[in-house]
């Protein structure tokens, strides 16, 4: 299993890549790990080369897994940890105590 990290902020869009080729052509499926969480239907698009999430929210943080299977080879898994961070607030003055 391969593992990568992706970062985003609320309101942005993210595409997680997972490209698979083979004979017979493999089936690609996606799921979010933990608590039987489903992908957000109204903000999710399955692309030939990945998973596109629109209008990211903090609750989208988590591990996403791409499974590739063509019934002949072992199932391959590609895991992505998506970390969504709140928008940063910058202060003009720094006070040291």
C-alpha atoms as a PDB file:
ATOM      1  CA  UNK A   1       0.000   0.000   0.000  1.00  0.00           C
ATOM      2  CA  UNK A   2       1.326   3.423  -0.865  1.00  0.00           C
ATOM      3  CA  UNK A   3       0.678   6.372   1.440  1.00  0.00           C
ATOM      4  CA  UNK A   4       0.828  10.117   0.785  1.00  0.00           C
ATOM      5  CA  UNK A   5      -0.384  13.300   2.481  1.00  0.00           C
ATOM      6  CA  UNK A   6      -2.495  16.070   0.995  1.00  0.00           C
ATOM      7  CA  UNK A   7      -3.324  19.428   2.552  1.00  0.00           C
ATOM      8  CA  UNK A   8      -6.197  21.816   1.975  1.00  0.00           C
ATOM      9  CA  UNK A   9      -8.139  24.675   3.510  1.00  0.00           C
ATOM     10  CA  UNK A  10     -11.932  24.961   3.857  1.00  0.00           C
ATOM     11  CA  UNK A  11     -13.737  26.057   0.717  1.00  0.00           C
ATOM     12  CA  UNK A  12     -11.089  24.816  -1.710  1.00  0.00           C
ATOM     13  CA  UNK A  13     -11.177  21.852  -4.113  1.00  0.00           C
ATOM     14  CA  UNK A  14      -8.903  18.793  -3.997  1.00  0.00           C
ATOM     15  CA  UNK A  15      -8.172  16.051  -6.519  1.00  0.00           C
ATOM     16  CA  UNK A  16      -6.601  12.877  -5.130  1.00  0.00           C
ATOM     17  CA  UNK A  17      -4.894  10.926  -7.890  1.00  0.00           C
ATOM     18  CA  UNK A  18      -5.143   7.186  -8.450  1.00  0.00           C
ATOM     19  CA  UNK A  19      -4.284   6.030 -11.970  1.00  0.00           C
ATOM     20  CA  UNK A  20      -4.653   2.339 -12.830  1.00  0.00           C
ATOM     21  CA  UNK A  21      -4.064   0.427 -16.072  1.00  0.00           C
ATOM     22  CA  UNK A  22      -4.112  -3.280 -16.798  1.00  0.00           C
ATOM     23  CA  UNK A  23      -5.645  -6.139 -18.763  1.00  0.00           C
ATOM     24  CA  UNK A  24      -8.457  -6.700 -18.111  1.00  0.00           C
ATOM     25  CA  UNK A  25      -9.069  -3.034 -17.241  1.00  0.00           C
ATOM     26  CA  UNK A  26      -9.158  -2.607 -13.460  1.00  0.00           C
ATOM     27  CA  UNK A  27     -12.085  -1.325 -11.427  1.00  0.00           C
ATOM     28  CA  UNK A  28     -11.271   1.600  -9.160  1.00  0.00           C
ATOM     29  CA  UNK A  29     -13.240   2.284  -5.977  1.00  0.00           C
ATOM     30  CA  UNK A  30     -12.824   4.858  -3.232  1.00  0.00           C
ATOM     31  CA  UNK A  31     -13.756   4.979   0.431  1.00  0.00           C
ATOM     32  CA  UNK A  32     -12.983   7.040   3.520  1.00  0.00           C
ATOM     33  CA  UNK A  33     -11.505   5.076   6.428  1.00  0.00           C
ATOM     34  CA  UNK A  34     -13.263   4.905   9.790  1.00  0.00           C
ATOM     35  CA  UNK A  35     -16.776   4.956  11.170  1.00  0.00           C
ATOM     36  CA  UNK A  36     -18.209   3.690   7.877  1.00  0.00           C
ATOM     37  CA  UNK A  37     -18.013   7.253   6.593  1.00  0.00           C
ATOM     38  CA  UNK A  38     -19.251   7.735   3.078  1.00  0.00           C
ATOM     39  CA  UNK A  39     -17.862  10.127   0.541  1.00  0.00           C
ATOM     40  CA  UNK A  40     -19.868  13.368   0.342  1.00  0.00           C
ATOM     41  CA  UNK A  41     -22.182  12.638  -2.632  1.00  0.00           C
ATOM     42  CA  UNK A  42     -23.053  16.212  -3.472  1.00  0.00           C
ATOM     43  CA  UNK A  43     -19.386  17.314  -3.493  1.00  0.00           C
ATOM     44  CA  UNK A  44     -17.639  14.247  -4.954  1.00  0.00           C
ATOM     45  CA  UNK A  45     -16.726  13.499  -8.551  1.00  0.00           C
ATOM     46  CA  UNK A  46     -15.082  10.251  -9.674  1.00  0.00           C
ATOM     47  CA  UNK A  47     -12.534  10.982 -12.400  1.00  0.00           C
ATOM     48  CA  UNK A  48     -10.654   8.465 -14.578  1.00  0.00           C
ATOM     49  CA  UNK A  49      -7.454   9.381 -12.733  1.00  0.00           C
ATOM     50  CA  UNK A  50      -8.714  10.154  -9.256  1.00  0.00           C
ATOM     51  CA  UNK A  51     -11.250  11.513  -6.813  1.00  0.00           C
ATOM     52  CA  UNK A  52     -12.282  15.184  -6.878  1.00  0.00           C
ATOM     53  CA  UNK A  53     -13.738  16.774  -3.717  1.00  0.00           C
ATOM     54  CA  UNK A  54     -15.366  20.208  -4.027  1.00  0.00           C
ATOM     55  CA  UNK A  55     -15.841  22.853  -1.366  1.00  0.00           C
ATOM     56  CA  UNK A  56     -13.726  21.105   1.287  1.00  0.00           C
ATOM     57  CA  UNK A  57     -14.888  21.285   4.925  1.00  0.00           C
ATOM     58  CA  UNK A  58     -12.994  20.427   8.127  1.00  0.00           C
ATOM     59  CA  UNK A  59     -14.938  17.135   8.415  1.00  0.00           C
ATOM     60  CA  UNK A  60     -13.328  15.964   5.148  1.00  0.00           C
ATOM     61  CA  UNK A  61     -10.089  15.412   7.079  1.00  0.00           C
ATOM     62  CA  UNK A  62      -9.192  11.729   7.123  1.00  0.00           C
ATOM     63  CA  UNK A  63      -7.749   8.782   5.230  1.00  0.00           C
ATOM     64  CA  UNK A  64      -9.045   8.062   1.733  1.00  0.00           C
ATOM     65  CA  UNK A  65      -8.293   4.744   0.048  1.00  0.00           C
ATOM     66  CA  UNK A  66      -8.287   3.942  -3.647  1.00  0.00           C
ATOM     67  CA  UNK A  67      -8.700   0.199  -4.350  1.00  0.00           C
ATOM     68  CA  UNK A  68      -7.730  -1.210  -7.745  1.00  0.00           C
ATOM     69  CA  UNK A  69      -8.929  -4.687  -8.741  1.00  0.00           C
ATOM     70  CA  UNK A  70      -9.097  -6.574 -12.052  1.00  0.00           C
ATOM     71  CA  UNK A  71      -9.930 -10.031 -10.585  1.00  0.00           C
ATOM     72  CA  UNK A  72      -6.565 -11.448 -11.737  1.00  0.00           C
ATOM     73  CA  UNK A  73      -3.965  -9.590  -9.696  1.00  0.00           C
ATOM     74  CA  UNK A  74      -3.980  -8.904  -5.973  1.00  0.00           C
ATOM     75  CA  UNK A  75      -6.039  -5.864  -4.952  1.00  0.00           C
ATOM     76  CA  UNK A  76      -3.842  -2.762  -4.813  1.00  0.00           C
ATOM     77  CA  UNK A  77      -4.525   0.039  -2.341  1.00  0.00           C
ATOM     78  CA  UNK A  78      -3.374   3.641  -2.381  1.00  0.00           C
ATOM     79  CA  UNK A  79      -3.976   5.608   0.832  1.00  0.00           C
ATOM     80  CA  UNK A  80      -4.080   9.402   1.095  1.00  0.00           C
ATOM     81  CA  UNK A  81      -4.266  11.329   4.360  1.00  0.00           C
ATOM     82  CA  UNK A  82      -6.167  14.542   3.666  1.00  0.00           C
ATOM     83  CA  UNK A  83      -5.587  17.208   6.294  1.00  0.00           C
ATOM     84  CA  UNK A  84      -7.903  20.207   6.221  1.00  0.00           C
ATOM     85  CA  UNK A  85      -6.687  23.175   8.225  1.00  0.00           C
ATOM     86  CA  UNK A  86      -8.723  26.199   9.230  1.00  0.00           C
ATOM     87  CA  UNK A  87      -7.841  29.495   7.634  1.00  0.00           C
ATOM     88  CA  UNK A  88      -4.985  31.114   9.490  1.00  0.00           C
ATOM     89  CA  UNK A  89      -5.377  34.372  11.346  1.00  0.00           C
ATOM     90  CA  UNK A  90      -2.338  36.631  11.377  1.00  0.00           C
ATOM     91  CA  UNK A  91      -1.767  39.197  14.123  1.00  0.00           C
ATOM     92  CA  UNK A  92       0.006  42.463  13.455  1.00  0.00           C
ATOM     93  CA  UNK A  93       1.747  42.594  16.823  1.00  0.00           C
ATOM     94  CA  UNK A  94       3.607  39.959  18.744  1.00  0.00           C
ATOM     95  CA  UNK A  95       3.811  40.398  22.505  1.00  0.00           C
ATOM     96  CA  UNK A  96       6.549  38.478  24.297  1.00  0.00           C
ATOM     97  CA  UNK A  97       6.297  37.937  28.020  1.00  0.00           C
END
